[in-house]
Protein backbone atom coordinates (compact mmCIF):
# COMPACT_ATOMS: atom_id res chain seq x y z
CA UNK A 1 23.58 -12.81 8.78
CA UNK A 2 21.76 -10.54 6.34
CA UNK A 3 23.79 -9.58 3.28
CA UNK A 4 23.91 -5.87 2.65
CA UNK A 5 25.21 -3.72 -0.15
CA UNK A 6 26.15 -0.05 -0.22
CA UNK A 7 23.21 2.27 -0.71
CA UNK A 8 23.01 3.15 -4.40
CA UNK A 9 24.13 6.70 -5.03
CA UNK A 10 21.79 9.16 -6.81
CA UNK A 11 23.96 9.43 -9.90
CA UNK A 12 23.60 5.72 -10.69
CA UNK A 13 19.98 5.10 -9.72
CA UNK A 14 18.56 6.14 -13.09
CA UNK A 15 20.47 3.32 -14.77
CA UNK A 16 18.95 0.58 -12.64
CA UNK A 17 16.65 -2.05 -14.09
CA UNK A 18 14.14 -1.85 -11.27
CA UNK A 19 12.18 -4.90 -12.40
CA UNK A 20 15.24 -7.13 -12.50
CA UNK A 21 16.26 -5.84 -9.09
CA UNK A 22 12.80 -6.66 -7.73
CA UNK A 23 13.01 -10.17 -9.17
CA UNK A 24 16.39 -10.74 -7.56
CA UNK A 25 15.30 -9.36 -4.19
CA UNK A 26 12.02 -11.26 -4.29
CA UNK A 27 13.85 -14.57 -4.41
CA UNK A 28 15.83 -13.51 -1.34
CA UNK A 29 12.71 -12.36 0.47
CA UNK A 30 10.70 -15.55 0.04
CA UNK A 31 12.43 -17.46 2.86
CA UNK A 32 11.93 -14.67 5.41
CA UNK A 33 8.30 -14.37 4.31
CA UNK A 34 7.59 -17.99 5.26
CA UNK A 35 9.33 -17.59 8.62
CA UNK A 36 7.37 -14.42 9.34
CA UNK A 37 4.05 -16.02 8.47
CA UNK A 38 4.66 -19.04 10.69
CA UNK A 39 5.81 -17.01 13.69
CA UNK A 40 3.88 -13.72 13.40
CA UNK A 41 7.22 -12.00 12.85
CA UNK A 42 7.86 -8.74 11.04
CA UNK A 43 9.86 -9.01 7.79
CA UNK A 44 12.46 -6.61 9.18
CA UNK A 45 15.41 -8.06 7.25
CA UNK A 46 13.54 -7.72 3.97
CA UNK A 47 12.71 -4.08 4.62
CA UNK A 48 16.33 -3.37 5.53
CA UNK A 49 17.33 -4.98 2.24
CA UNK A 50 14.91 -2.75 0.34
CA UNK A 51 16.72 0.23 1.85
CA UNK A 52 20.23 -1.00 1.07
CA UNK A 53 19.23 -1.82 -2.52
CA UNK A 54 17.96 1.70 -3.14
CA UNK A 55 14.37 0.64 -3.78
CA UNK A 56 12.91 2.74 -0.98
CA UNK A 57 14.18 5.84 -2.81
CA UNK A 58 13.26 4.59 -6.28
CA UNK A 59 10.18 6.80 -6.55
CA UNK A 60 11.94 10.02 -5.58
CA UNK A 61 12.77 12.21 -8.61
CA UNK A 62 16.39 12.12 -9.77
CA UNK A 63 16.61 15.89 -9.27
CA UNK A 64 16.02 15.36 -5.55
CA UNK A 65 18.52 12.54 -5.21
CA UNK A 66 16.23 9.59 -5.84
CA UNK A 67 15.99 6.84 -8.42
CA UNK A 68 13.47 8.49 -10.73
CA UNK A 69 11.49 5.29 -11.28
CA UNK A 70 8.26 5.77 -13.20
CA UNK A 71 4.88 5.13 -11.64
CA UNK A 72 4.29 2.09 -13.86
CA UNK A 73 7.71 0.71 -12.90
CA UNK A 74 6.87 1.05 -9.21
CA UNK A 75 3.62 -0.83 -9.78
CA UNK A 76 5.52 -3.54 -11.64
CA UNK A 77 8.09 -3.78 -8.83
CA UNK A 78 5.33 -4.26 -6.26
CA UNK A 79 3.65 -6.88 -8.42
CA UNK A 80 6.91 -8.83 -8.69
CA UNK A 81 7.61 -8.58 -4.97
CA UNK A 82 4.05 -9.72 -4.27
CA UNK A 83 4.74 -13.01 -6.02
CA UNK A 84 7.54 -13.80 -3.59
CA UNK A 85 6.77 -12.01 -0.34
CA UNK A 86 3.25 -10.71 0.18
CA UNK A 87 4.00 -8.93 3.44
CA UNK A 88 7.18 -7.24 2.24
CA UNK A 89 5.40 -6.00 -0.85
CA UNK A 90 2.46 -4.65 1.14
CA UNK A 91 4.73 -2.76 3.55
CA UNK A 92 6.67 -1.34 0.61
CA UNK A 93 3.45 -0.24 -1.12
CA UNK A 94 2.53 1.84 1.93
CA UNK A 95 5.88 3.61 1.83
CA UNK A 96 5.86 3.88 -1.97
CA UNK A 97 2.51 5.63 -2.16
CA UNK A 98 3.48 8.10 0.56
CA UNK A 99 6.48 8.96 -1.61
CA UNK A 100 4.43 9.05 -4.82
CA UNK A 101 1.95 11.59 -3.43
CA UNK A 102 4.47 14.39 -2.70
CA UNK A 103 6.33 13.47 -5.88
CA UNK A 104 3.16 14.12 -7.92
CA UNK A 105 2.62 17.39 -6.08
CA UNK A 106 6.22 18.47 -6.71
CA UNK A 107 5.97 17.61 -10.41
CA UNK A 108 2.49 19.04 -11.07
CA UNK A 109 1.97 21.75 -8.46
CA UNK A 110 5.48 22.87 -7.57
CA UNK A 111 4.57 22.03 -3.98
CA UNK A 112 7.25 22.67 -1.32
CA UNK A 113 7.86 19.00 -0.51
CA UNK A 114 11.54 18.77 -1.43
CA UNK A 115 12.59 18.39 2.20
CA UNK A 116 10.65 15.17 2.73
CA UNK A 117 11.64 13.65 -0.60
CA UNK A 118 15.31 14.49 -0.11
CA UNK A 119 15.23 12.82 3.29
CA UNK A 120 13.79 9.66 1.73
CA UNK A 121 16.57 9.69 -0.86
CA UNK A 122 19.53 10.71 1.27
CA UNK A 123 18.67 9.36 4.72
CA UNK A 124 16.75 6.30 3.50
CA UNK A 125 13.88 7.06 5.88
CA UNK A 126 10.71 5.02 5.46
CA UNK A 127 7.18 6.35 5.68
CA UNK A 128 4.27 4.63 7.41
CA UNK A 129 0.68 5.35 6.45
CA UNK A 130 -2.42 5.48 8.63
CA UNK A 131 -4.65 6.65 5.78
CA UNK A 132 -6.61 3.45 5.24
CA UNK A 133 -7.89 3.41 8.82
CA UNK A 134 -8.49 7.18 8.88
CA UNK A 135 -9.88 8.03 5.42
CA UNK A 136 -12.25 11.02 5.20
CA UNK A 137 -13.32 11.02 8.85
CA UNK A 138 -9.86 10.63 10.39
CA UNK A 139 -9.56 9.73 14.06
CA UNK A 140 -8.04 10.94 17.29
CA UNK A 141 -8.04 14.43 18.76
CA UNK A 142 -5.79 17.46 18.38
CA UNK A 143 -5.87 20.02 21.20
CA UNK A 144 -4.47 23.50 20.49
CA UNK A 145 -1.59 24.55 22.70
CA UNK A 146 1.05 27.23 22.38
CA UNK A 147 3.07 26.63 19.23
CA UNK A 148 1.16 23.60 18.04
CA UNK A 149 -1.16 20.77 19.03
CA UNK A 150 -1.25 17.84 21.43
CA UNK A 151 -2.45 14.77 19.55
CA UNK A 152 -3.98 11.69 21.11
CA UNK A 153 -4.99 8.86 18.79
CA UNK A 154 -4.81 5.18 17.98
CA UNK A 155 -3.87 4.39 14.37
CA UNK A 156 -4.60 0.82 13.29
CA UNK A 157 -3.17 -1.18 10.38
CA UNK A 158 0.09 0.79 10.35
CA UNK A 159 1.99 -1.59 8.10
CA UNK A 160 5.74 -1.50 8.63
CA UNK A 161 5.53 0.55 11.81
CA UNK A 162 8.40 -1.37 13.42
CA UNK A 163 10.86 -0.23 10.74
CA UNK A 164 9.32 3.15 9.94
CA UNK A 165 10.69 6.59 10.61
CA UNK A 166 7.74 8.90 9.98
CA UNK A 167 4.04 8.22 10.51
CA UNK A 168 2.01 10.10 7.91
CA UNK A 169 -1.26 10.64 9.70
CA UNK A 170 -4.02 13.01 10.81
CA UNK A 171 -6.26 13.96 13.74
CA UNK A 172 -9.40 15.99 14.35
CA UNK A 173 -9.25 19.53 15.73
CA UNK A 174 -12.44 21.20 16.92
CA UNK A 175 -11.78 24.59 15.40
CA UNK A 176 -13.84 27.26 17.20
CA UNK A 177 -14.70 28.91 13.86
CA UNK A 178 -14.56 26.13 11.26
CA UNK A 179 -15.83 23.23 13.37
CA UNK A 180 -14.42 19.70 13.03
CA UNK A 181 -11.21 20.10 11.03
CA UNK A 182 -8.81 17.33 10.05
CA UNK A 183 -5.13 18.19 10.43
CA UNK A 184 -2.58 16.24 8.37
CA UNK A 185 1.00 15.92 9.58
CA UNK A 186 4.00 13.63 9.96
CA UNK A 187 5.13 12.33 13.35
CA UNK A 188 8.53 10.74 14.01
CA UNK A 189 7.90 7.24 15.28
CA UNK A 190 10.56 7.79 17.94
CA UNK A 191 8.91 10.97 19.25
CA UNK A 192 7.88 11.30 22.87
CA UNK A 193 4.41 9.88 23.40
CA UNK A 194 4.49 7.52 20.39
CA UNK A 195 4.19 3.80 21.07
CA UNK A 196 3.70 0.77 18.87
CA UNK A 197 1.24 -1.70 20.34
CA UNK A 198 1.80 -5.25 19.00
CA UNK A 199 -1.77 -6.02 17.97
CA UNK A 200 -1.04 -7.71 14.62
CA UNK A 201 -2.23 -11.32 15.00
CA UNK A 202 -3.98 -11.63 11.69
CA UNK A 203 -5.36 -14.08 9.16
CA UNK A 204 -2.98 -13.04 6.41
CA UNK A 205 -0.16 -10.63 5.61
CA UNK A 206 1.23 -11.75 8.97
CA UNK A 207 4.73 -10.47 8.29
CA UNK A 208 3.60 -6.92 7.53
CA UNK A 209 3.76 -5.82 11.16
CA UNK A 210 0.57 -3.82 10.75
CA UNK A 211 0.40 -2.96 14.44
CA UNK A 212 -1.45 -0.11 16.13
CA UNK A 213 0.47 3.13 16.65
CA UNK A 214 -0.70 4.91 19.80
CA UNK A 215 -0.17 8.66 20.16
CA UNK A 216 -0.47 10.01 23.69
CA UNK A 217 -0.32 13.80 23.95
CA UNK A 218 2.23 13.96 21.15
CA UNK A 219 3.29 17.52 20.40
CA UNK A 220 2.91 18.48 16.75
CA UNK A 221 4.21 21.98 15.99
CA UNK A 222 2.18 24.38 13.88
CA UNK A 223 4.85 24.25 11.19
CA UNK A 224 4.33 20.48 10.82
CA UNK A 225 0.66 20.83 9.80
CA UNK A 226 0.74 20.13 6.07
CA UNK A 227 -2.99 20.37 5.39
CA UNK A 228 -6.30 21.34 7.00
CA UNK A 229 -9.63 20.11 5.64
CA UNK A 230 -13.27 19.74 6.62
CA UNK A 231 -13.93 16.44 8.32
CA UNK A 232 -15.87 13.82 6.38
CA UNK A 233 -15.77 15.66 3.04
CA UNK A 234 -13.88 14.79 -0.10
CA UNK A 235 -10.83 16.97 -0.59
CA UNK A 236 -8.32 17.22 -3.42
CA UNK A 237 -5.74 15.30 -1.39
CA UNK A 238 -8.01 12.26 -1.19
CA UNK A 239 -8.58 12.28 -4.91
CA UNK A 240 -4.80 12.33 -5.29
CA UNK A 241 -4.37 9.54 -2.73
CA UNK A 242 -6.98 7.45 -4.53
CA UNK A 243 -5.39 8.00 -7.94
CA UNK A 244 -1.84 7.21 -6.82
CA UNK A 245 -2.05 4.87 -3.83
CA UNK A 246 -4.65 2.35 -4.92
CA UNK A 247 -2.90 1.13 -8.11
CA UNK A 248 0.33 0.68 -6.13
CA UNK A 249 -1.33 -1.28 -3.33
CA UNK A 250 -3.41 -3.44 -5.66
CA UNK A 251 -0.34 -4.29 -7.73
CA UNK A 252 0.76 -6.28 -4.68
CA UNK A 253 -2.41 -8.34 -4.67
CA UNK A 254 -2.14 -9.09 -8.37
CA UNK A 255 1.35 -10.45 -7.73
CA UNK A 256 0.05 -12.64 -4.90
CA UNK A 257 -2.75 -13.90 -7.15
CA UNK A 258 -0.22 -14.79 -9.86
CA UNK A 259 1.76 -16.79 -7.30
CA UNK A 260 -1.41 -18.58 -6.19
CA UNK A 261 -2.25 -19.45 -9.79
CA UNK A 262 1.21 -20.88 -10.45
CA UNK A 263 1.24 -22.88 -7.21
CA UNK A 264 -2.21 -24.33 -7.87
CA UNK A 265 -1.17 -25.52 -11.31
CA UNK A 266 2.03 -27.07 -9.95
CA UNK A 267 -0.04 -29.05 -7.45
CA UNK A 268 -2.72 -29.98 -9.98
CA UNK A 269 -0.21 -31.31 -12.51
CA UNK A 270 0.82 -33.97 -10.01
CA UNK A 271 -2.64 -35.48 -10.39
CA UNK A 272 -4.28 -36.96 -13.42
CA UNK A 273 -5.84 -34.18 -15.44
CA UNK A 274 -9.35 -34.23 -16.90
CA UNK A 275 -11.66 -31.93 -18.81
CA UNK A 276 -13.20 -30.47 -15.65
CA UNK A 277 -9.77 -29.57 -14.28
CA UNK A 278 -8.89 -27.87 -17.57
CA UNK A 279 -12.17 -25.96 -17.38
CA UNK A 280 -11.38 -24.68 -13.87
CA UNK A 281 -7.84 -23.66 -14.83
CA UNK A 282 -9.22 -21.76 -17.80
CA UNK A 283 -11.67 -20.00 -15.52
CA UNK A 284 -8.87 -19.08 -13.12
CA UNK A 285 -6.84 -17.59 -15.96
CA UNK A 286 -9.89 -15.61 -17.06
CA UNK A 287 -10.16 -14.09 -13.60
CA UNK A 288 -6.45 -13.33 -13.51
CA UNK A 289 -6.68 -11.60 -16.89
CA UNK A 290 -9.62 -9.53 -15.63
CA UNK A 291 -7.49 -8.40 -12.68
CA UNK A 292 -4.57 -7.53 -14.97
CA UNK A 293 -6.74 -5.48 -17.31
CA UNK A 294 -8.43 -3.60 -14.47
CA UNK A 295 -5.12 -2.83 -12.80
CA UNK A 296 -3.58 -1.64 -16.06
CA UNK A 297 -6.50 0.73 -16.54
CA UNK A 298 -5.92 2.08 -13.04
CA UNK A 299 -2.22 2.62 -13.74
CA UNK A 300 -2.89 4.28 -17.09
CA UNK A 301 -5.48 6.54 -15.49
CA UNK A 302 -3.01 7.62 -12.81
CA UNK A 303 -0.37 8.43 -15.41
CA UNK A 304 -2.49 10.75 -17.55
CA UNK A 305 -5.30 12.11 -15.34
CA UNK A 306 -5.84 14.89 -12.85
CA UNK A 307 -7.24 14.12 -9.39
CA UNK A 308 -11.00 14.60 -9.09
CA UNK A 309 -14.24 12.70 -8.73
CA UNK A 310 -14.15 11.23 -12.25
CA UNK A 311 -10.61 9.95 -11.78
CA UNK A 312 -11.42 8.62 -8.33
CA UNK A 313 -14.41 6.81 -9.78
CA UNK A 314 -12.26 5.21 -12.49
CA UNK A 315 -9.68 4.15 -9.94
CA UNK A 316 -12.07 2.84 -7.33
CA UNK A 317 -14.11 0.92 -9.89
CA UNK A 318 -10.85 -0.71 -10.95
CA UNK A 319 -10.11 -1.44 -7.30
CA UNK A 320 -13.40 -3.33 -6.96
CA UNK A 321 -12.81 -5.29 -10.16
CA UNK A 322 -9.29 -6.28 -9.14
CA UNK A 323 -10.50 -7.34 -5.70
CA UNK A 324 -13.33 -9.46 -7.09
CA UNK A 325 -11.04 -11.11 -9.62
CA UNK A 326 -8.16 -11.98 -7.29
CA UNK A 327 -10.57 -13.35 -4.68
CA UNK A 328 -12.00 -15.59 -7.40
CA UNK A 329 -8.44 -16.64 -8.25
CA UNK A 330 -7.90 -17.54 -4.59
CA UNK A 331 -11.05 -19.69 -4.50
CA UNK A 332 -10.39 -21.41 -7.82
CA UNK A 333 -6.77 -22.08 -6.92
CA UNK A 334 -7.89 -24.00 -3.84
CA UNK A 335 -10.42 -25.98 -5.87
CA UNK A 336 -7.89 -26.79 -8.59
CA UNK A 337 -5.24 -27.98 -6.13
CA UNK A 338 -7.79 -30.13 -4.32
CA UNK A 339 -7.44 -31.37 -0.77
CA UNK A 340 -3.68 -30.88 -0.79
CA UNK A 341 -4.28 -27.10 -0.76
CA UNK A 342 -5.41 -27.44 2.85
CA UNK A 343 -1.91 -28.35 4.00
CA UNK A 344 0.05 -25.31 5.15
CA UNK A 345 3.47 -26.61 4.07
CA UNK A 346 2.44 -26.59 0.40
CA UNK A 347 2.10 -22.81 0.40
CA UNK A 348 -1.22 -22.25 -1.30
CA UNK A 349 -3.12 -21.88 1.97
CA UNK A 350 -0.90 -18.92 2.90
CA UNK A 351 -1.47 -17.18 -0.44
CA UNK A 352 -5.23 -17.71 -0.04
CA UNK A 353 -5.08 -16.00 3.36
CA UNK A 354 -2.92 -13.14 2.16
CA UNK A 355 -5.29 -12.40 -0.71
CA UNK A 356 -8.17 -11.83 1.71
CA UNK A 357 -6.60 -8.49 2.63
CA UNK A 358 -7.68 -7.13 -0.76
CA UNK A 359 -11.18 -6.69 0.69
CA UNK A 360 -10.30 -4.06 3.24
CA UNK A 361 -8.56 -1.12 1.55
CA UNK A 362 -10.76 1.87 0.71
CA UNK A 363 -13.08 2.31 -0.98
CA UNK A 364 -14.73 -0.99 -0.16
CA UNK A 365 -17.21 -2.20 -2.73
CA UNK A 366 -20.37 -0.78 -1.16
CA UNK A 367 -18.89 2.72 -0.86
CA UNK A 368 -17.40 2.51 -4.35
CA UNK A 369 -20.71 1.54 -5.93
CA UNK A 370 -22.48 4.33 -4.09
CA UNK A 371 -19.96 6.89 -5.36
CA UNK A 372 -20.23 5.58 -8.92
CA UNK A 373 -24.01 5.75 -8.74
CA UNK A 374 -23.99 9.31 -7.42
CA UNK A 375 -21.79 10.42 -10.31
CA UNK A 376 -23.88 8.56 -12.89
CA UNK A 377 -27.09 10.11 -11.56
CA UNK A 378 -25.67 13.64 -11.63
CA UNK A 379 -25.61 14.33 -7.91
CA UNK A 380 -24.03 17.56 -6.68
CA UNK A 381 -20.64 16.23 -5.58
CA UNK A 382 -19.61 19.48 -3.90
CA UNK A 383 -21.63 18.53 -0.82
CA UNK A 384 -19.87 15.16 -0.40
């Protein structure tokens, strides 16, 4: 039976050593991670444990009842969890960035988001993102009806949907005056017309439960529309998402890469070492250092910058560099471990698979390079 502890009260959260807590929880999570990977099971117990430990509310400001963890601490927590349980860490990163976005807006814009953040802190609700599969274009349709909209859509890669409370998503409304307009809103995952379709049979991150969420004529009241924007165009909110979400998500992959490095060396040390093996290990550590430096630059940028094209460019360039480096770590780890790496029970094969997910979060390398080139060449970004 899963051990639980009382939810940490707001008054004590500020005193918590979040990194030590993540280390302790990570060791608990590792067993469930293996079971989930082998059976295509969701890491439900691990997510419940994140709630009971207070980590799901760590990013909420203390003034709103949360833990007041810093952005860099949240990234460090995700990196630690990634070493032990890739899927748990990835699910948590999706919730964490959906908390970090309104937190930034509350701190820097005095945005009226207290209600959502207080619910995360007091009710321990978890947020599920559909942003990666929507991005600038969004998907699905919103039809205007009295008092709101009827939304029909399929949202893929909704990590943690099985344990989530609110789906943070969007759909396209054909505004008679403005044309194709993307509406952003939150939908309770237990609302009428919402269904989770168990589509997640994947190469890696098998325990993340990244199923499809299907919305069938779901009523979204006018008051729930948090944002309207032109479809396909960059908007402030996506610069903010890029600045905040990507360092959090890619912290997970750095943690997984660190675990792959350590496992490869453990396996290699059982064999006779030679100069070529030392050369490969040195190359692996070079790639890991490159990932660390790129991620740290992303985190530092998020802590001191304002959202905009220049910041997005810095962040997304870092995203490409981290992805390239951890994929190289995955390849080199398999080479270093030798043929034994092919056996599933030794663990490295799983980490290799999990790291492949780093390819697919926006902006993928082609789009990132195009954006960087447009900025370097002085294009008019207002039309993008």
